[in-house]
Amino acid sequence: MAIVGSSMSTEPWDFFDKSEFKCKCGCGTNNISNTLVNMLDVARRIAGVSFIINSGVRCGKHNALVAASPTSSHVSGWAVDIQVSSSTARSKMIKALIAVGFNRMGIADTFIHVDIDPGKPEDVTWTY
């Protein structure tokens, strides 16, 4: 699982605001894991490229609307999708995400999904 030590910051973060992770449907749901954001903040520093959050927390209704799995880690606040703008940025992001301890990662052309869901298997990578 994630490497979380005393050197990792807590809210407020250097590169993120908690509002970036709220459900996109407008309901205001935002149960994002502070540990997850701590890890993202450190990874962003290491990568040296912007991390734009496409999808953070999803309420159950929004999750169903985007046809995601009912067991999506986004619903429990354990997952994010980060926008990717180029192959170079993707490479920097992946290296930094692994360096801080992410070991559940989905890679697509336009985004990277990472999660730290304790109820799911570790050390998995998939493509979309």
N, C-alpha and C. Protein backbone atom coordinates (compact mmCIF):
# COMPACT_ATOMS: atom_id res chain seq x y z
N MET A 1 0.83 -1.19 0.00
CA MET A 1 0.00 0.00 0.00
C MET A 1 0.87 1.25 0.00
N ALA A 2 0.27 2.36 0.23
CA ALA A 2 0.91 3.66 0.13
C ALA A 2 1.98 3.88 1.19
N ILE A 3 2.99 4.62 0.78
CA ILE A 3 4.02 5.05 1.71
C ILE A 3 3.59 6.40 2.25
N VAL A 4 3.26 6.44 3.52
CA VAL A 4 2.80 7.68 4.12
C VAL A 4 3.65 7.93 5.35
N GLY A 5 4.47 8.94 5.29
CA GLY A 5 5.35 9.24 6.41
C GLY A 5 5.17 10.65 6.91
N SER A 6 5.99 11.02 7.86
CA SER A 6 5.87 12.34 8.46
C SER A 6 6.24 13.44 7.47
N SER A 7 6.95 13.10 6.39
CA SER A 7 7.33 14.11 5.42
C SER A 7 6.18 14.47 4.48
N MET A 8 5.10 13.71 4.55
CA MET A 8 3.97 14.00 3.66
C MET A 8 3.04 15.00 4.33
N SER A 9 2.63 16.00 3.56
CA SER A 9 1.81 17.07 4.11
C SER A 9 0.36 16.63 4.30
N THR A 10 -0.37 17.42 5.02
CA THR A 10 -1.82 17.22 5.15
C THR A 10 -2.49 18.52 4.73
N GLU A 11 -3.80 18.49 4.64
CA GLU A 11 -4.55 19.66 4.21
C GLU A 11 -4.16 20.87 5.06
N PRO A 12 -3.90 22.04 4.52
CA PRO A 12 -3.95 22.37 3.10
C PRO A 12 -2.72 21.82 2.37
N TRP A 13 -2.96 21.43 1.13
CA TRP A 13 -1.90 20.85 0.32
C TRP A 13 -1.25 21.91 -0.55
N ASP A 14 -0.06 21.63 -1.04
CA ASP A 14 0.67 22.57 -1.88
C ASP A 14 0.04 22.71 -3.27
N PHE A 15 -0.48 21.62 -3.82
CA PHE A 15 -0.92 21.64 -5.21
C PHE A 15 -2.42 21.39 -5.40
N PHE A 16 -3.14 21.11 -4.35
CA PHE A 16 -4.56 20.77 -4.48
C PHE A 16 -5.41 21.53 -3.48
N ASP A 17 -6.66 21.71 -3.85
CA ASP A 17 -7.68 22.22 -2.96
C ASP A 17 -8.74 21.12 -2.86
N LYS A 18 -9.26 20.90 -1.68
CA LYS A 18 -10.21 19.81 -1.48
C LYS A 18 -11.39 19.88 -2.45
N SER A 19 -11.77 21.08 -2.86
CA SER A 19 -12.91 21.25 -3.75
C SER A 19 -12.69 20.59 -5.12
N GLU A 20 -11.45 20.37 -5.51
CA GLU A 20 -11.16 19.73 -6.80
C GLU A 20 -11.64 18.29 -6.86
N PHE A 21 -11.91 17.68 -5.71
CA PHE A 21 -12.23 16.26 -5.64
C PHE A 21 -13.72 15.98 -5.45
N LYS A 22 -14.55 17.03 -5.33
CA LYS A 22 -15.98 16.81 -5.07
C LYS A 22 -16.68 16.23 -6.30
N CYS A 23 -17.80 15.59 -6.05
CA CYS A 23 -18.60 14.98 -7.12
C CYS A 23 -18.97 16.03 -8.15
N LYS A 24 -18.86 15.66 -9.42
CA LYS A 24 -19.11 16.59 -10.53
C LYS A 24 -20.59 16.83 -10.80
N CYS A 25 -21.48 16.07 -10.17
CA CYS A 25 -22.91 16.24 -10.46
C CYS A 25 -23.50 17.45 -9.77
N GLY A 26 -22.75 18.06 -8.85
CA GLY A 26 -23.26 19.23 -8.15
C GLY A 26 -23.86 18.94 -6.79
N CYS A 27 -23.86 17.68 -6.38
CA CYS A 27 -24.46 17.32 -5.08
C CYS A 27 -23.58 17.74 -3.90
N GLY A 28 -22.30 17.98 -4.17
CA GLY A 28 -21.39 18.41 -3.11
C GLY A 28 -20.70 17.30 -2.35
N THR A 29 -21.01 16.05 -2.67
CA THR A 29 -20.36 14.93 -1.98
C THR A 29 -18.85 15.03 -2.14
N ASN A 30 -18.13 14.92 -1.02
CA ASN A 30 -16.67 15.00 -1.07
C ASN A 30 -16.06 14.28 0.12
N ASN A 31 -16.04 12.97 0.04
CA ASN A 31 -15.44 12.16 1.09
C ASN A 31 -14.05 11.66 0.67
N ILE A 32 -13.31 12.51 -0.06
CA ILE A 32 -11.99 12.11 -0.56
C ILE A 32 -11.06 11.78 0.61
N SER A 33 -10.27 10.76 0.42
CA SER A 33 -9.31 10.35 1.44
C SER A 33 -8.16 11.36 1.53
N ASN A 34 -7.91 11.86 2.73
CA ASN A 34 -6.76 12.76 2.93
C ASN A 34 -5.46 12.05 2.59
N THR A 35 -5.36 10.78 2.90
CA THR A 35 -4.15 10.01 2.59
C THR A 35 -3.92 10.00 1.08
N LEU A 36 -4.98 9.79 0.32
CA LEU A 36 -4.88 9.80 -1.14
C LEU A 36 -4.37 11.14 -1.64
N VAL A 37 -4.93 12.23 -1.14
CA VAL A 37 -4.51 13.55 -1.59
C VAL A 37 -3.09 13.86 -1.13
N ASN A 38 -2.73 13.43 0.06
CA ASN A 38 -1.34 13.60 0.52
C ASN A 38 -0.38 12.96 -0.47
N MET A 39 -0.69 11.74 -0.89
CA MET A 39 0.17 11.03 -1.84
C MET A 39 0.21 11.75 -3.19
N LEU A 40 -0.95 12.21 -3.66
CA LEU A 40 -0.99 12.94 -4.92
C LEU A 40 -0.16 14.23 -4.85
N ASP A 41 -0.21 14.91 -3.72
CA ASP A 41 0.52 16.16 -3.56
C ASP A 41 2.03 15.92 -3.68
N VAL A 42 2.51 14.87 -3.05
CA VAL A 42 3.94 14.55 -3.13
C VAL A 42 4.29 14.10 -4.55
N ALA A 43 3.43 13.28 -5.16
CA ALA A 43 3.69 12.82 -6.53
C ALA A 43 3.73 13.99 -7.50
N ARG A 44 2.84 14.95 -7.32
CA ARG A 44 2.83 16.14 -8.18
C ARG A 44 4.15 16.90 -8.07
N ARG A 45 4.66 17.02 -6.86
CA ARG A 45 5.94 17.70 -6.64
C ARG A 45 7.06 16.97 -7.36
N ILE A 46 7.09 15.66 -7.24
CA ILE A 46 8.12 14.84 -7.88
C ILE A 46 8.02 14.92 -9.41
N ALA A 47 6.81 14.81 -9.94
CA ALA A 47 6.61 14.78 -11.40
C ALA A 47 6.95 16.10 -12.06
N GLY A 48 6.66 17.20 -11.39
CA GLY A 48 6.94 18.50 -11.98
C GLY A 48 6.00 18.88 -13.11
N VAL A 49 4.86 18.21 -13.20
CA VAL A 49 3.82 18.54 -14.19
C VAL A 49 2.49 18.66 -13.46
N SER A 50 1.57 19.42 -14.05
CA SER A 50 0.27 19.60 -13.42
C SER A 50 -0.51 18.30 -13.32
N PHE A 51 -1.23 18.14 -12.23
CA PHE A 51 -2.16 17.04 -12.05
C PHE A 51 -3.56 17.66 -12.02
N ILE A 52 -4.30 17.53 -13.11
CA ILE A 52 -5.66 18.05 -13.17
C ILE A 52 -6.60 16.88 -12.91
N ILE A 53 -7.45 17.02 -11.92
CA ILE A 53 -8.35 15.95 -11.52
C ILE A 53 -9.59 15.95 -12.42
N ASN A 54 -9.73 14.92 -13.25
CA ASN A 54 -10.92 14.76 -14.10
C ASN A 54 -12.09 14.25 -13.29
N SER A 55 -11.82 13.32 -12.39
CA SER A 55 -12.86 12.70 -11.60
C SER A 55 -12.29 12.33 -10.24
N GLY A 56 -12.94 12.81 -9.21
CA GLY A 56 -12.57 12.46 -7.84
C GLY A 56 -13.68 11.62 -7.25
N VAL A 57 -14.32 12.17 -6.24
CA VAL A 57 -15.43 11.48 -5.59
C VAL A 57 -16.64 11.47 -6.51
N ARG A 58 -17.37 10.36 -6.50
CA ARG A 58 -18.65 10.26 -7.20
C ARG A 58 -19.70 9.77 -6.22
N CYS A 59 -20.82 10.47 -6.17
CA CYS A 59 -21.94 9.94 -5.40
C CYS A 59 -22.48 8.74 -6.16
N GLY A 60 -23.28 7.92 -5.52
CA GLY A 60 -23.81 6.73 -6.18
C GLY A 60 -24.58 7.04 -7.45
N LYS A 61 -25.36 8.11 -7.42
CA LYS A 61 -26.17 8.48 -8.58
C LYS A 61 -25.28 8.88 -9.76
N HIS A 62 -24.26 9.70 -9.50
CA HIS A 62 -23.35 10.13 -10.57
C HIS A 62 -22.54 8.94 -11.10
N ASN A 63 -22.13 8.08 -10.20
CA ASN A 63 -21.37 6.89 -10.60
C ASN A 63 -22.19 6.05 -11.58
N ALA A 64 -23.48 5.89 -11.30
CA ALA A 64 -24.36 5.13 -12.19
C ALA A 64 -24.53 5.85 -13.53
N LEU A 65 -24.63 7.18 -13.49
CA LEU A 65 -24.80 7.96 -14.72
C LEU A 65 -23.60 7.84 -15.67
N VAL A 66 -22.40 7.69 -15.11
CA VAL A 66 -21.22 7.54 -15.96
C VAL A 66 -20.93 6.07 -16.26
N ALA A 67 -21.88 5.21 -15.89
CA ALA A 67 -21.81 3.77 -16.17
C ALA A 67 -20.56 3.11 -15.59
N ALA A 68 -20.15 3.59 -14.42
CA ALA A 68 -18.99 2.99 -13.75
C ALA A 68 -19.45 1.80 -12.91
N SER A 69 -18.50 1.00 -12.50
CA SER A 69 -18.78 -0.15 -11.65
C SER A 69 -19.45 0.30 -10.35
N PRO A 70 -20.45 -0.44 -9.89
CA PRO A 70 -21.07 -0.09 -8.60
C PRO A 70 -20.09 -0.16 -7.43
N THR A 71 -19.00 -0.88 -7.61
CA THR A 71 -17.98 -0.98 -6.55
C THR A 71 -16.80 -0.04 -6.81
N SER A 72 -17.02 0.98 -7.64
CA SER A 72 -15.96 1.93 -7.97
C SER A 72 -15.36 2.55 -6.71
N SER A 73 -14.05 2.65 -6.68
CA SER A 73 -13.35 3.26 -5.56
C SER A 73 -13.59 4.77 -5.50
N HIS A 74 -14.12 5.36 -6.56
CA HIS A 74 -14.46 6.78 -6.55
C HIS A 74 -15.59 7.05 -5.54
N VAL A 75 -16.53 6.12 -5.42
CA VAL A 75 -17.68 6.31 -4.53
C VAL A 75 -17.23 6.38 -3.07
N SER A 76 -16.24 5.60 -2.72
CA SER A 76 -15.76 5.58 -1.33
C SER A 76 -14.67 6.62 -1.06
N GLY A 77 -14.31 7.41 -2.07
CA GLY A 77 -13.31 8.47 -1.86
C GLY A 77 -11.88 7.99 -1.91
N TRP A 78 -11.66 6.80 -2.45
CA TRP A 78 -10.31 6.22 -2.51
C TRP A 78 -9.64 6.39 -3.87
N ALA A 79 -10.29 7.03 -4.85
CA ALA A 79 -9.76 7.04 -6.23
C ALA A 79 -9.89 8.40 -6.89
N VAL A 80 -8.99 8.63 -7.85
CA VAL A 80 -9.07 9.80 -8.73
C VAL A 80 -8.64 9.40 -10.14
N ASP A 81 -9.12 10.18 -11.11
CA ASP A 81 -8.63 10.11 -12.48
C ASP A 81 -7.92 11.43 -12.74
N ILE A 82 -6.69 11.34 -13.23
CA ILE A 82 -5.87 12.52 -13.48
C ILE A 82 -5.72 12.71 -14.98
N GLN A 83 -5.99 13.91 -15.46
CA GLN A 83 -5.87 14.21 -16.88
C GLN A 83 -4.42 14.06 -17.35
N VAL A 84 -4.25 13.52 -18.56
CA VAL A 84 -2.93 13.38 -19.17
C VAL A 84 -2.93 14.10 -20.50
N SER A 85 -1.93 14.95 -20.72
CA SER A 85 -1.91 15.76 -21.94
C SER A 85 -0.87 15.31 -22.97
N SER A 86 0.07 14.46 -22.56
CA SER A 86 1.11 14.01 -23.49
C SER A 86 1.78 12.74 -22.97
N SER A 87 2.49 12.07 -23.84
CA SER A 87 3.22 10.86 -23.44
C SER A 87 4.31 11.20 -22.43
N THR A 88 4.95 12.34 -22.61
CA THR A 88 6.00 12.76 -21.67
C THR A 88 5.42 12.99 -20.29
N ALA A 89 4.30 13.71 -20.23
CA ALA A 89 3.64 13.95 -18.94
C ALA A 89 3.20 12.63 -18.32
N ARG A 90 2.64 11.73 -19.13
CA ARG A 90 2.19 10.43 -18.63
C ARG A 90 3.34 9.68 -17.97
N SER A 91 4.49 9.66 -18.63
CA SER A 91 5.66 8.96 -18.09
C SER A 91 6.11 9.56 -16.75
N LYS A 92 6.18 10.89 -16.69
CA LYS A 92 6.58 11.56 -15.45
C LYS A 92 5.59 11.27 -14.33
N MET A 93 4.29 11.30 -14.66
CA MET A 93 3.26 11.04 -13.66
C MET A 93 3.34 9.62 -13.13
N ILE A 94 3.43 8.65 -14.03
CA ILE A 94 3.48 7.25 -13.61
C ILE A 94 4.67 7.00 -12.70
N LYS A 95 5.84 7.50 -13.08
CA LYS A 95 7.04 7.31 -12.25
C LYS A 95 6.84 7.91 -10.86
N ALA A 96 6.27 9.12 -10.80
CA ALA A 96 6.06 9.78 -9.50
C ALA A 96 4.99 9.08 -8.68
N LEU A 97 3.92 8.63 -9.33
CA LEU A 97 2.84 7.93 -8.61
C LEU A 97 3.36 6.64 -7.99
N ILE A 98 4.17 5.92 -8.72
CA ILE A 98 4.77 4.68 -8.19
C ILE A 98 5.73 5.01 -7.05
N ALA A 99 6.51 6.08 -7.21
CA ALA A 99 7.51 6.45 -6.20
C ALA A 99 6.87 6.74 -4.84
N VAL A 100 5.64 7.28 -4.83
CA VAL A 100 5.00 7.59 -3.54
C VAL A 100 4.17 6.43 -3.01
N GLY A 101 4.07 5.35 -3.77
CA GLY A 101 3.42 4.16 -3.24
C GLY A 101 2.14 3.72 -3.90
N PHE A 102 1.68 4.39 -4.95
CA PHE A 102 0.48 3.91 -5.65
C PHE A 102 0.81 2.59 -6.32
N ASN A 103 -0.06 1.59 -6.11
CA ASN A 103 0.15 0.30 -6.74
C ASN A 103 -1.14 -0.26 -7.36
N ARG A 104 -2.12 0.60 -7.52
CA ARG A 104 -3.34 0.29 -8.28
C ARG A 104 -3.51 1.43 -9.28
N MET A 105 -3.32 1.11 -10.56
CA MET A 105 -3.28 2.15 -11.57
C MET A 105 -3.91 1.67 -12.87
N GLY A 106 -4.78 2.51 -13.44
CA GLY A 106 -5.35 2.26 -14.75
C GLY A 106 -4.87 3.35 -15.69
N ILE A 107 -4.40 2.97 -16.87
CA ILE A 107 -3.80 3.92 -17.79
C ILE A 107 -4.61 3.99 -19.07
N ALA A 108 -5.01 5.20 -19.43
CA ALA A 108 -5.77 5.45 -20.66
C ALA A 108 -5.03 6.50 -21.48
N ASP A 109 -5.53 6.76 -22.68
CA ASP A 109 -4.92 7.78 -23.53
C ASP A 109 -4.99 9.16 -22.90
N THR A 110 -6.08 9.47 -22.22
CA THR A 110 -6.30 10.83 -21.74
C THR A 110 -6.30 10.99 -20.21
N PHE A 111 -6.15 9.89 -19.49
CA PHE A 111 -6.13 9.98 -18.03
C PHE A 111 -5.42 8.79 -17.41
N ILE A 112 -5.07 8.97 -16.13
CA ILE A 112 -4.54 7.89 -15.29
C ILE A 112 -5.45 7.78 -14.08
N HIS A 113 -5.93 6.58 -13.81
CA HIS A 113 -6.71 6.31 -12.61
C HIS A 113 -5.74 5.75 -11.56
N VAL A 114 -5.81 6.29 -10.35
CA VAL A 114 -5.09 5.70 -9.22
C VAL A 114 -6.04 5.58 -8.05
N ASP A 115 -5.84 4.53 -7.26
CA ASP A 115 -6.63 4.41 -6.04
C ASP A 115 -5.85 3.68 -4.98
N ILE A 116 -6.31 3.87 -3.75
CA ILE A 116 -5.70 3.20 -2.59
C ILE A 116 -6.77 2.46 -1.82
N ASP A 117 -7.72 1.90 -2.54
CA ASP A 117 -8.85 1.21 -1.93
C ASP A 117 -8.36 -0.01 -1.15
N PRO A 118 -8.53 0.01 0.18
CA PRO A 118 -8.02 -1.09 1.00
C PRO A 118 -8.79 -2.40 0.78
N GLY A 119 -9.94 -2.34 0.15
CA GLY A 119 -10.74 -3.54 -0.08
C GLY A 119 -10.47 -4.21 -1.42
N LYS A 120 -9.48 -3.71 -2.15
CA LYS A 120 -9.19 -4.25 -3.48
C LYS A 120 -7.75 -4.74 -3.55
N PRO A 121 -7.48 -5.66 -4.48
CA PRO A 121 -6.11 -6.21 -4.60
C PRO A 121 -5.07 -5.14 -4.90
N GLU A 122 -3.89 -5.32 -4.33
CA GLU A 122 -2.77 -4.41 -4.60
C GLU A 122 -1.97 -4.91 -5.79
N ASP A 123 -1.06 -4.07 -6.25
CA ASP A 123 -0.14 -4.41 -7.33
C ASP A 123 -0.85 -4.82 -8.61
N VAL A 124 -1.76 -3.98 -9.07
CA VAL A 124 -2.45 -4.21 -10.33
C VAL A 124 -2.36 -2.95 -11.21
N THR A 125 -2.17 -3.18 -12.48
CA THR A 125 -2.17 -2.11 -13.47
C THR A 125 -3.00 -2.59 -14.64
N TRP A 126 -3.85 -1.72 -15.16
CA TRP A 126 -4.68 -2.09 -16.29
C TRP A 126 -4.71 -0.95 -17.28
N THR A 127 -5.22 -1.23 -18.47
CA THR A 127 -5.38 -0.21 -19.50
C THR A 127 -6.86 -0.11 -19.85
N TYR A 128 -7.23 1.03 -20.41
CA TYR A 128 -8.60 1.26 -20.85
C TYR A 128 -8.63 1.27 -22.35
